[in-house]
Amino acid sequence: MIHSFLRSIGFREKRNSKEIFEILEDIVRHPDAHTRTQDANGNPIGTFLKYYGKGFGIKVCGDFFNGSEFHISDYFPYFNGSYVSTYEQIELERYAAKDAFAGICDEMRLGVTLIFYVNNMEDVMENRLLYGSQLMASNAVLSGLASGGKILLPIMKTDAQQREMAEKSKQRIRLMQKAREGSQQAMETLTMSDMDTYSMLTRRITQNREDILSVVEGSFIPYGMESDQYMIIGEILSCYTQVNSLTGEIVWNISLSCNDVKFDILINERDLIGEPQIGRRFRGRIQMQGSINFM
C-alpha cells in the first residue's frame, strides 16, 4: 500500500507498489539507523530508517522471526522537526492493528485536543519496558507532512496591534489554565470572549464583505476522519528547499507559527501554490507527527 504522504518527502511520482516495496527492502538492507526492542508481549520488533534529505526519510517497522529474519509490517514517511513545540502533558495511545502510537495532549494555544502520530515509537517501547505504563513525556517536537497547500499574503498589522494581540493571547492562556483548574469565573469569561469574537467575525464577513482569510490570521482545525490530520493556516518563520537524494524531487521545508505553536512542515514543490517567504502564510492539509522526549 502506498502511503498518502509519501509525496510530501519527494516520492510524488512513486505510484507503483512494486517500486515502493523495492525501496523498503533497500532500507532494511542499507539503513542509516536501526533499532531492535520488544513489544509489550516480549516479541522482538525493529525499525529501519533511511534519510533522503535533512531530517526526512522513510522508517520501516516490523517483526523478527527466528532471531534474525525480519518481516515488514508497516512503514511511514518520517520527518523530524527543529522546534520543541509543546510542554503539555502527553498521553500515549497504541493503535489497535499495529505497533504504533498516537500522542494526545490538550494544547491550550491551539484550542483543540492535539493528536499526532508518534514517529519514535521505538523509544516509547524502550521506556515502557523500563518504567511500565508510568512513563512520563517531558515535551514533543512536532512536524507536519503536507499533501497540498497555498501561500497567502500576510495580514497587515502595526506594532501596537501586534503587542495587543500578544497580550490577549497570554491572557487567554492564563484564563484557560484557570478554567482547567475549575474556575467558574474563568470559564464564563472565556465563553463571553468567544461569543464576542464570533460576533466580530460575523459582522466583518457579512456586513463589511471582508474575505475570511483577511480576518482569520491563523487556524488549526481537525480534518477528515483520521485524528492526526489538520487544516492549518500559519505564519512562515523560515523556509528553504531540499532535494530528495533518491528521486531528485524538490521539497519545501517551512517553519510555521500557528496560534503561537511552532513546528516545521514538509511539502512537495509541485503540490504548493505560490512562493513561500518569511512573513507570508501557509494554508494546507497536514498529517501531524511528533517525536517525544522523555524525562
C-alpha atoms as a PDB file:
ATOM      1  CA  MET A   1       0.000   0.000   0.000  1.00  0.00           C
ATOM      2  CA  ILE A   2       1.284   3.456  -0.908  1.00  0.00           C
ATOM      3  CA  HIS A   3       1.257   5.962   1.951  1.00  0.00           C
ATOM      4  CA  SER A   4      -0.727   9.112   1.113  1.00  0.00           C
ATOM      5  CA  PHE A   5       2.002  11.435   2.432  1.00  0.00           C
ATOM      6  CA  LEU A   6       5.000   9.871   0.652  1.00  0.00           C
ATOM      7  CA  ARG A   7       4.621  12.707  -1.866  1.00  0.00           C
ATOM      8  CA  SER A   8       5.475  15.190   0.900  1.00  0.00           C
ATOM      9  CA  ILE A   9       9.046  13.887   1.196  1.00  0.00           C
ATOM     10  CA  GLY A  10       9.715  13.715  -2.537  1.00  0.00           C
ATOM     11  CA  PHE A  11       8.103  10.455  -3.686  1.00  0.00           C
ATOM     12  CA  ARG A  12       5.253  12.078  -5.595  1.00  0.00           C
ATOM     13  CA  GLU A  13       5.844  10.043  -8.756  1.00  0.00           C
ATOM     14  CA  LYS A  14       6.243   6.693  -6.977  1.00  0.00           C
ATOM     15  CA  ARG A  15       2.795   5.214  -7.595  1.00  0.00           C
ATOM     16  CA  ASN A  16       3.711   1.587  -8.162  1.00  0.00           C
ATOM     17  CA  SER A  17       3.557  -0.802  -5.190  1.00  0.00           C
ATOM     18  CA  LYS A  18       6.467  -2.840  -6.572  1.00  0.00           C
ATOM     19  CA  GLU A  19       8.700   0.258  -6.659  1.00  0.00           C
ATOM     20  CA  ILE A  20       7.782   1.115  -3.076  1.00  0.00           C
ATOM     21  CA  PHE A  21       8.477  -2.426  -1.886  1.00  0.00           C
ATOM     22  CA  GLU A  22      11.917  -2.358  -3.533  1.00  0.00           C
ATOM     23  CA  ILE A  23      12.669   0.915  -1.717  1.00  0.00           C
ATOM     24  CA  LEU A  24      11.573  -0.616   1.597  1.00  0.00           C
ATOM     25  CA  GLU A  25      13.776  -3.674   1.032  1.00  0.00           C
ATOM     26  CA  ASP A  26      16.742  -1.403   0.304  1.00  0.00           C
ATOM     27  CA  ILE A  27      16.094   0.493   3.552  1.00  0.00           C
ATOM     28  CA  VAL A  28      16.176  -2.756   5.541  1.00  0.00           C
ATOM     29  CA  ARG A  29      19.400  -3.844   3.825  1.00  0.00           C
ATOM     30  CA  HIS A  30      21.159  -0.449   4.000  1.00  0.00           C
ATOM     31  CA  PRO A  31      19.653   1.665   6.806  1.00  0.00           C
ATOM     32  CA  ASP A  32      21.110   4.892   8.154  1.00  0.00           C
ATOM     33  CA  ALA A  33      19.784   3.963  11.601  1.00  0.00           C
ATOM     34  CA  HIS A  34      18.077   0.918  13.074  1.00  0.00           C
ATOM     35  CA  THR A  35      16.768  -0.231  16.443  1.00  0.00           C
ATOM     36  CA  ARG A  36      15.699  -3.508  17.977  1.00  0.00           C
ATOM     37  CA  THR A  37      13.456  -3.816  21.019  1.00  0.00           C
ATOM     38  CA  GLN A  38      10.433  -5.756  22.309  1.00  0.00           C
ATOM     39  CA  ASP A  39       6.719  -5.116  22.351  1.00  0.00           C
ATOM     40  CA  ALA A  40       4.527  -5.479  25.455  1.00  0.00           C
ATOM     41  CA  ASN A  41       4.290  -9.254  24.874  1.00  0.00           C
ATOM     42  CA  GLY A  42       8.036  -9.766  24.589  1.00  0.00           C
ATOM     43  CA  ASN A  43       8.074 -10.207  20.803  1.00  0.00           C
ATOM     44  CA  PRO A  44      11.198  -8.811  19.094  1.00  0.00           C
ATOM     45  CA  ILE A  45      10.462  -5.854  16.817  1.00  0.00           C
ATOM     46  CA  GLY A  46      12.667  -3.483  14.875  1.00  0.00           C
ATOM     47  CA  THR A  47      12.764  -0.231  12.935  1.00  0.00           C
ATOM     48  CA  PHE A  48      14.960   0.724   9.982  1.00  0.00           C
ATOM     49  CA  LEU A  49      15.348   4.364   8.930  1.00  0.00           C
ATOM     50  CA  LYS A  50      16.893   5.808   5.785  1.00  0.00           C
ATOM     51  CA  TYR A  51      17.279   9.537   5.162  1.00  0.00           C
ATOM     52  CA  TYR A  52      16.680  11.120   1.755  1.00  0.00           C
ATOM     53  CA  GLY A  53      17.339  14.678   2.924  1.00  0.00           C
ATOM     54  CA  LYS A  54      17.957  16.717   6.056  1.00  0.00           C
ATOM     55  CA  GLY A  55      15.638  15.368   8.741  1.00  0.00           C
ATOM     56  CA  PHE A  56      13.357  13.338   6.471  1.00  0.00           C
ATOM     57  CA  GLY A  57      13.184   9.811   5.140  1.00  0.00           C
ATOM     58  CA  ILE A  58      11.250   6.564   5.439  1.00  0.00           C
ATOM     59  CA  LYS A  59      11.012   4.416   8.563  1.00  0.00           C
ATOM     60  CA  VAL A  60      10.247   0.704   8.161  1.00  0.00           C
ATOM     61  CA  CYS A  61       8.781  -1.245  11.091  1.00  0.00           C
ATOM     62  CA  GLY A  62       8.352  -4.967  11.543  1.00  0.00           C
ATOM     63  CA  ASP A  63       8.946  -8.175  13.481  1.00  0.00           C
ATOM     64  CA  PHE A  64      11.919 -10.504  13.824  1.00  0.00           C
ATOM     65  CA  PHE A  65      11.281 -14.216  13.288  1.00  0.00           C
ATOM     66  CA  ASN A  66      13.731 -16.989  14.215  1.00  0.00           C
ATOM     67  CA  GLY A  67      16.134 -14.492  15.706  1.00  0.00           C
ATOM     68  CA  SER A  68      17.179 -12.566  12.605  1.00  0.00           C
ATOM     69  CA  GLU A  69      14.550 -12.931   9.862  1.00  0.00           C
ATOM     70  CA  PHE A  70      12.824  -9.540   9.518  1.00  0.00           C
ATOM     71  CA  HIS A  71       9.238  -9.236   8.305  1.00  0.00           C
ATOM     72  CA  ILE A  72       7.996  -5.772   7.221  1.00  0.00           C
ATOM     73  CA  SER A  73       4.650  -4.933   8.811  1.00  0.00           C
ATOM     74  CA  ASP A  74       4.445  -1.156   8.352  1.00  0.00           C
ATOM     75  CA  TYR A  75       6.261   1.917   7.083  1.00  0.00           C
ATOM     76  CA  PHE A  76       5.721   5.664   7.067  1.00  0.00           C
ATOM     77  CA  PRO A  77       7.333   8.852   5.738  1.00  0.00           C
ATOM     78  CA  TYR A  78       9.423  10.290   8.561  1.00  0.00           C
ATOM     79  CA  PHE A  79      10.144  13.949   9.255  1.00  0.00           C
ATOM     80  CA  ASN A  80      11.794  15.294  12.391  1.00  0.00           C
ATOM     81  CA  GLY A  81      11.181  18.962  13.214  1.00  0.00           C
ATOM     82  CA  SER A  82      13.507  21.520  14.789  1.00  0.00           C
ATOM     83  CA  TYR A  83      11.236  23.089  17.448  1.00  0.00           C
ATOM     84  CA  VAL A  84      10.164  21.774  20.834  1.00  0.00           C
ATOM     85  CA  SER A  85       6.520  22.593  20.169  1.00  0.00           C
ATOM     86  CA  THR A  86       4.689  21.640  23.358  1.00  0.00           C
ATOM     87  CA  TYR A  87       5.435  21.017  27.018  1.00  0.00           C
ATOM     88  CA  GLU A  88       1.877  19.976  27.855  1.00  0.00           C
ATOM     89  CA  GLN A  89       1.220  16.585  29.450  1.00  0.00           C
ATOM     90  CA  ILE A  90       1.162  13.921  26.736  1.00  0.00           C
ATOM     91  CA  GLU A  91      -0.794  10.689  26.853  1.00  0.00           C
ATOM     92  CA  LEU A  92       0.078   7.765  24.599  1.00  0.00           C
ATOM     93  CA  GLU A  93      -2.466   5.509  22.939  1.00  0.00           C
ATOM     94  CA  ARG A  94      -1.443   2.410  20.971  1.00  0.00           C
ATOM     95  CA  TYR A  95      -3.110   1.773  17.626  1.00  0.00           C
ATOM     96  CA  ALA A  96      -5.187  -1.402  17.642  1.00  0.00           C
ATOM     97  CA  ALA A  97      -3.775  -3.011  14.492  1.00  0.00           C
ATOM     98  CA  LYS A  98      -0.071  -2.102  14.569  1.00  0.00           C
ATOM     99  CA  ASP A  99       2.889  -1.294  16.795  1.00  0.00           C
ATOM    100  CA  ALA A 100       2.446   2.459  16.618  1.00  0.00           C
ATOM    101  CA  PHE A 101       1.290   5.165  18.995  1.00  0.00           C
ATOM    102  CA  ALA A 102      -0.728   8.360  18.927  1.00  0.00           C
ATOM    103  CA  GLY A 103       0.300  11.228  21.185  1.00  0.00           C
ATOM    104  CA  ILE A 104      -2.568  13.169  22.763  1.00  0.00           C
ATOM    105  CA  CYS A 105      -2.351  16.458  24.655  1.00  0.00           C
ATOM    106  CA  ASP A 106      -4.524  19.462  25.488  1.00  0.00           C
ATOM    107  CA  GLU A 107      -2.502  22.255  23.887  1.00  0.00           C
ATOM    108  CA  MET A 108      -4.219  25.414  25.160  1.00  0.00           C
ATOM    109  CA  ARG A 109      -2.747  27.677  22.488  1.00  0.00           C
ATOM    110  CA  LEU A 110      -4.419  25.660  19.724  1.00  0.00           C
ATOM    111  CA  GLY A 111      -7.784  25.420  21.443  1.00  0.00           C
ATOM    112  CA  VAL A 112      -8.238  21.756  20.462  1.00  0.00           C
ATOM    113  CA  THR A 113      -7.016  18.400  21.709  1.00  0.00           C
ATOM    114  CA  LEU A 114      -3.844  17.802  19.722  1.00  0.00           C
ATOM    115  CA  ILE A 115      -3.407  14.272  18.362  1.00  0.00           C
ATOM    116  CA  PHE A 116      -0.259  13.328  16.454  1.00  0.00           C
ATOM    117  CA  TYR A 117       1.455  10.228  15.072  1.00  0.00           C
ATOM    118  CA  VAL A 118       4.448   9.329  17.246  1.00  0.00           C
ATOM    119  CA  ASN A 119       7.408   8.831  14.909  1.00  0.00           C
ATOM    120  CA  ASN A 120       9.826   7.472  17.540  1.00  0.00           C
ATOM    121  CA  MET A 121       7.714   4.543  18.693  1.00  0.00           C
ATOM    122  CA  GLU A 122      10.864   2.505  19.413  1.00  0.00           C
ATOM    123  CA  ASP A 123      11.754   4.967  22.208  1.00  0.00           C
ATOM    124  CA  VAL A 124       8.234   4.571  23.602  1.00  0.00           C
ATOM    125  CA  MET A 125       8.671   0.777  23.606  1.00  0.00           C
ATOM    126  CA  GLU A 126      12.053   1.015  25.357  1.00  0.00           C
ATOM    127  CA  ASN A 127      10.727   3.363  28.039  1.00  0.00           C
ATOM    128  CA  ARG A 128       7.698   1.147  28.639  1.00  0.00           C
ATOM    129  CA  LEU A 129       9.993  -1.822  29.180  1.00  0.00           C
ATOM    130  CA  LEU A 130      11.959   0.210  31.742  1.00  0.00           C
ATOM    131  CA  TYR A 131       9.191   2.124  33.506  1.00  0.00           C
ATOM    132  CA  GLY A 132       5.971   0.313  32.616  1.00  0.00           C
ATOM    133  CA  SER A 133       2.860   2.341  31.865  1.00  0.00           C
ATOM    134  CA  GLN A 134       4.013   5.178  34.165  1.00  0.00           C
ATOM    135  CA  LEU A 135       6.474   6.651  31.670  1.00  0.00           C
ATOM    136  CA  MET A 136       6.448  10.453  31.550  1.00  0.00           C
ATOM    137  CA  ALA A 137       6.971  12.531  28.413  1.00  0.00           C
ATOM    138  CA  SER A 138       8.641  15.897  29.032  1.00  0.00           C
ATOM    139  CA  ASN A 139       7.921  17.510  25.641  1.00  0.00           C
ATOM    140  CA  ALA A 140       7.336  16.833  21.954  1.00  0.00           C
ATOM    141  CA  VAL A 141       8.969  18.033  18.738  1.00  0.00           C
ATOM    142  CA  LEU A 142       6.108  18.373  16.261  1.00  0.00           C
ATOM    143  CA  SER A 143       6.351  18.250  12.469  1.00  0.00           C
ATOM    144  CA  GLY A 144       3.872  18.081   9.626  1.00  0.00           C
ATOM    145  CA  LEU A 145       3.692  16.438   6.204  1.00  0.00           C
ATOM    146  CA  ALA A 146       1.540  18.419   3.780  1.00  0.00           C
ATOM    147  CA  SER A 147      -0.312  16.836   0.871  1.00  0.00           C
ATOM    148  CA  GLY A 148      -1.054  20.231  -0.668  1.00  0.00           C
ATOM    149  CA  GLY A 149      -1.085  23.904   0.203  1.00  0.00           C
ATOM    150  CA  LYS A 150      -1.204  27.533  -0.813  1.00  0.00           C
ATOM    151  CA  ILE A 151       0.799  30.599   0.140  1.00  0.00           C
ATOM    152  CA  LEU A 152      -1.280  33.516   1.441  1.00  0.00           C
ATOM    153  CA  LEU A 153      -0.294  37.139   1.853  1.00  0.00           C
ATOM    154  CA  PRO A 154       0.153  38.329   5.448  1.00  0.00           C
ATOM    155  CA  ILE A 155      -2.376  40.419   7.356  1.00  0.00           C
ATOM    156  CA  MET A 156      -1.032  43.934   7.815  1.00  0.00           C
ATOM    157  CA  LYS A 157      -0.595  44.860  11.482  1.00  0.00           C
ATOM    158  CA  THR A 158       1.005  47.799  13.257  1.00  0.00           C
ATOM    159  CA  ASP A 159       3.483  47.247  16.091  1.00  0.00           C
ATOM    160  CA  ALA A 160       0.806  48.330  18.565  1.00  0.00           C
ATOM    161  CA  GLN A 161      -1.647  45.781  17.157  1.00  0.00           C
ATOM    162  CA  GLN A 162       0.962  43.028  17.366  1.00  0.00           C
ATOM    163  CA  ARG A 163       1.672  43.848  21.023  1.00  0.00           C
ATOM    164  CA  GLU A 164      -2.053  43.927  21.777  1.00  0.00           C
ATOM    165  CA  MET A 165      -2.601  40.529  20.120  1.00  0.00           C
ATOM    166  CA  ALA A 166       0.334  39.013  22.022  1.00  0.00           C
ATOM    167  CA  GLU A 167      -1.056  40.282  25.335  1.00  0.00           C
ATOM    168  CA  LYS A 168      -4.541  38.970  24.534  1.00  0.00           C
ATOM    169  CA  SER A 169      -3.059  35.575  23.691  1.00  0.00           C
ATOM    170  CA  LYS A 170      -1.203  35.427  27.024  1.00  0.00           C
ATOM    171  CA  GLN A 171      -4.335  36.481  28.888  1.00  0.00           C
ATOM    172  CA  ARG A 172      -6.396  33.798  27.154  1.00  0.00           C
ATOM    173  CA  ILE A 173      -3.866  31.103  28.065  1.00  0.00           C
ATOM    174  CA  ARG A 174      -3.966  32.226  31.712  1.00  0.00           C
ATOM    175  CA  LEU A 175      -7.766  32.045  31.687  1.00  0.00           C
ATOM    176  CA  MET A 176      -7.725  28.588  30.089  1.00  0.00           C
ATOM    177  CA  GLN A 177      -5.294  27.398  32.749  1.00  0.00           C
ATOM    178  CA  LYS A 178      -7.618  28.683  35.491  1.00  0.00           C
ATOM    179  CA  ALA A 179     -10.616  27.105  33.756  1.00  0.00           C
ATOM    180  CA  ARG A 180      -8.748  23.792  33.616  1.00  0.00           C
ATOM    181  CA  GLU A 181      -8.254  24.091  37.389  1.00  0.00           C
ATOM    182  CA  GLY A 182     -12.007  24.558  37.848  1.00  0.00           C
ATOM    183  CA  SER A 183     -12.500  28.342  37.990  1.00  0.00           C
ATOM    184  CA  GLN A 184     -16.133  29.126  37.105  1.00  0.00           C
ATOM    185  CA  GLN A 185     -15.336  32.801  36.533  1.00  0.00           C
ATOM    186  CA  ALA A 186     -12.600  31.934  34.029  1.00  0.00           C
ATOM    187  CA  MET A 187     -14.998  29.637  32.141  1.00  0.00           C
ATOM    188  CA  GLU A 188     -17.604  32.394  31.923  1.00  0.00           C
ATOM    189  CA  THR A 189     -15.020  34.954  30.778  1.00  0.00           C
ATOM    190  CA  LEU A 190     -13.798  32.606  28.037  1.00  0.00           C
ATOM    191  CA  THR A 191     -17.365  31.920  26.907  1.00  0.00           C
ATOM    192  CA  MET A 192     -18.130  35.644  26.641  1.00  0.00           C
ATOM    193  CA  SER A 193     -14.850  36.239  24.796  1.00  0.00           C
ATOM    194  CA  ASP A 194     -15.690  33.507  22.259  1.00  0.00           C
ATOM    195  CA  MET A 195     -19.145  35.000  21.713  1.00  0.00           C
ATOM    196  CA  ASP A 196     -17.643  38.466  21.145  1.00  0.00           C
ATOM    197  CA  THR A 197     -15.125  37.026  18.679  1.00  0.00           C
ATOM    198  CA  TYR A 198     -17.859  35.191  16.783  1.00  0.00           C
ATOM    199  CA  SER A 199     -19.963  38.378  16.584  1.00  0.00           C
ATOM    200  CA  MET A 200     -16.986  40.377  15.326  1.00  0.00           C
ATOM    201  CA  LEU A 201     -16.168  37.791  12.647  1.00  0.00           C
ATOM    202  CA  THR A 202     -19.792  37.594  11.514  1.00  0.00           C
ATOM    203  CA  ARG A 203     -20.064  41.370  11.250  1.00  0.00           C
ATOM    204  CA  ARG A 204     -16.834  41.777   9.274  1.00  0.00           C
ATOM    205  CA  ILE A 205     -17.675  38.964   6.862  1.00  0.00           C
ATOM    206  CA  THR A 206     -21.400  39.591   6.304  1.00  0.00           C
ATOM    207  CA  GLN A 207     -21.659  43.360   6.690  1.00  0.00           C
ATOM    208  CA  ASN A 208     -18.221  44.603   5.655  1.00  0.00           C
ATOM    209  CA  ARG A 209     -17.865  41.906   2.962  1.00  0.00           C
ATOM    210  CA  GLU A 210     -14.320  41.096   4.049  1.00  0.00           C
ATOM    211  CA  ASP A 211     -12.695  37.852   2.948  1.00  0.00           C
ATOM    212  CA  ILE A 212     -12.387  35.231   5.685  1.00  0.00           C
ATOM    213  CA  LEU A 213      -8.638  34.868   5.061  1.00  0.00           C
ATOM    214  CA  SER A 214      -8.107  38.588   5.670  1.00  0.00           C
ATOM    215  CA  VAL A 215      -9.893  38.308   9.024  1.00  0.00           C
ATOM    216  CA  VAL A 216      -8.565  34.996  10.393  1.00  0.00           C
ATOM    217  CA  GLU A 217      -4.790  35.167  10.765  1.00  0.00           C
ATOM    218  CA  GLY A 218      -4.231  31.560  11.813  1.00  0.00           C
ATOM    219  CA  SER A 219      -6.205  28.383  12.402  1.00  0.00           C
ATOM    220  CA  PHE A 220      -5.741  24.747  13.393  1.00  0.00           C
ATOM    221  CA  ILE A 221      -8.767  22.593  12.555  1.00  0.00           C
ATOM    222  CA  PRO A 222      -9.111  18.771  12.608  1.00  0.00           C
ATOM    223  CA  TYR A 223      -9.586  17.454   9.066  1.00  0.00           C
ATOM    224  CA  GLY A 224     -11.376  14.342   7.832  1.00  0.00           C
ATOM    225  CA  MET A 225     -11.761  11.006   9.589  1.00  0.00           C
ATOM    226  CA  GLU A 226      -8.141  10.479  10.654  1.00  0.00           C
ATOM    227  CA  SER A 227      -7.365  12.003  14.026  1.00  0.00           C
ATOM    228  CA  ASP A 228      -3.826  13.214  13.218  1.00  0.00           C
ATOM    229  CA  GLN A 229      -4.737  15.314  10.159  1.00  0.00           C
ATOM    230  CA  TYR A 230      -5.465  19.045  10.238  1.00  0.00           C
ATOM    231  CA  MET A 231      -6.224  22.013   8.021  1.00  0.00           C
ATOM    232  CA  ILE A 232      -3.955  24.823   9.157  1.00  0.00           C
ATOM    233  CA  ILE A 233      -3.111  28.450   8.497  1.00  0.00           C
ATOM    234  CA  GLY A 234       0.222  29.568   9.947  1.00  0.00           C
ATOM    235  CA  GLU A 235       2.768  32.361   9.586  1.00  0.00           C
ATOM    236  CA  ILE A 236       6.018  31.434   7.821  1.00  0.00           C
ATOM    237  CA  LEU A 237       9.071  31.918  10.066  1.00  0.00           C
ATOM    238  CA  SER A 238      11.661  30.469   7.671  1.00  0.00           C
ATOM    239  CA  CYS A 239      11.753  28.348   4.523  1.00  0.00           C
ATOM    240  CA  TYR A 240      14.189  26.600   2.216  1.00  0.00           C
ATOM    241  CA  THR A 241      14.204  23.853  -0.402  1.00  0.00           C
ATOM    242  CA  GLN A 242      15.764  20.412  -0.331  1.00  0.00           C
ATOM    243  CA  VAL A 243      16.235  17.730  -2.968  1.00  0.00           C
ATOM    244  CA  ASN A 244      15.243  14.112  -2.362  1.00  0.00           C
ATOM    245  CA  SER A 245      18.520  12.237  -2.881  1.00  0.00           C
ATOM    246  CA  LEU A 246      16.795   9.239  -4.499  1.00  0.00           C
ATOM    247  CA  THR A 247      14.116  10.780  -6.738  1.00  0.00           C
ATOM    248  CA  GLY A 248      15.540  14.265  -7.345  1.00  0.00           C
ATOM    249  CA  GLU A 249      12.192  15.858  -6.446  1.00  0.00           C
ATOM    250  CA  ILE A 250      12.272  19.244  -4.705  1.00  0.00           C
ATOM    251  CA  VAL A 251      10.553  19.697  -1.336  1.00  0.00           C
ATOM    252  CA  TRP A 252       9.987  22.814   0.765  1.00  0.00           C
ATOM    253  CA  ASN A 253      10.921  22.823   4.445  1.00  0.00           C
ATOM    254  CA  ILE A 254       8.761  25.550   6.024  1.00  0.00           C
ATOM    255  CA  SER A 255       8.800  26.632   9.670  1.00  0.00           C
ATOM    256  CA  LEU A 256       5.432  27.905  10.886  1.00  0.00           C
ATOM    257  CA  SER A 257       3.893  29.641  13.864  1.00  0.00           C
ATOM    258  CA  CYS A 258       0.276  28.551  14.187  1.00  0.00           C
ATOM    259  CA  ASN A 259      -1.587  30.074  17.146  1.00  0.00           C
ATOM    260  CA  ASP A 260       1.851  30.593  18.775  1.00  0.00           C
ATOM    261  CA  VAL A 261       2.777  26.900  18.382  1.00  0.00           C
ATOM    262  CA  LYS A 262       5.925  26.499  16.277  1.00  0.00           C
ATOM    263  CA  PHE A 263       6.628  23.479  14.076  1.00  0.00           C
ATOM    264  CA  ASP A 264       8.119  22.554  10.691  1.00  0.00           C
ATOM    265  CA  ILE A 265       6.279  21.153   7.703  1.00  0.00           C
ATOM    266  CA  LEU A 266       7.484  19.464   4.528  1.00  0.00           C
ATOM    267  CA  ILE A 267       5.669  19.755   1.203  1.00  0.00           C
ATOM    268  CA  ASN A 268       6.483  18.737  -2.354  1.00  0.00           C
ATOM    269  CA  GLU A 269       7.230  21.752  -4.548  1.00  0.00           C
ATOM    270  CA  ARG A 270       4.700  20.540  -7.135  1.00  0.00           C
ATOM    271  CA  ASP A 271       1.935  20.412  -4.507  1.00  0.00           C
ATOM    272  CA  LEU A 272       2.487  24.003  -3.377  1.00  0.00           C
ATOM    273  CA  ILE A 273       0.779  27.001  -4.987  1.00  0.00           C
ATOM    274  CA  GLY A 274       2.652  30.275  -4.515  1.00  0.00           C
ATOM    275  CA  GLU A 275       6.127  31.241  -3.349  1.00  0.00           C
ATOM    276  CA  PRO A 276       6.955  30.906   0.358  1.00  0.00           C
ATOM    277  CA  GLN A 277       8.543  33.932   2.017  1.00  0.00           C
ATOM    278  CA  ILE A 278       9.090  34.905   5.638  1.00  0.00           C
ATOM    279  CA  GLY A 279       6.029  36.739   6.933  1.00  0.00           C
ATOM    280  CA  ARG A 280       3.624  35.202   4.439  1.00  0.00           C
ATOM    281  CA  ARG A 281       1.180  32.494   5.496  1.00  0.00           C
ATOM    282  CA  PHE A 282       0.756  28.843   4.585  1.00  0.00           C
ATOM    283  CA  ARG A 283      -2.644  27.197   4.284  1.00  0.00           C
ATOM    284  CA  GLY A 284      -2.943  23.475   3.713  1.00  0.00           C
ATOM    285  CA  ARG A 285      -3.717  19.977   4.932  1.00  0.00           C
ATOM    286  CA  ILE A 286      -1.115  18.203   7.040  1.00  0.00           C
ATOM    287  CA  GLN A 287      -0.536  14.985   8.900  1.00  0.00           C
ATOM    288  CA  MET A 288       0.939  15.878  12.285  1.00  0.00           C
ATOM    289  CA  GLN A 289       3.860  13.812  13.544  1.00  0.00           C
ATOM    290  CA  GLY A 290       5.801  14.161  16.752  1.00  0.00           C
ATOM    291  CA  SER A 291       8.978  12.915  18.369  1.00  0.00           C
ATOM    292  CA  ILE A 292       8.537  12.530  22.129  1.00  0.00           C
ATOM    293  CA  ASN A 293      11.332  13.350  24.565  1.00  0.00           C
ATOM    294  CA  PHE A 294      11.172  11.531  27.893  1.00  0.00           C
ATOM    295  CA  MET A 295      12.186  12.678  31.357  1.00  0.00           C
END
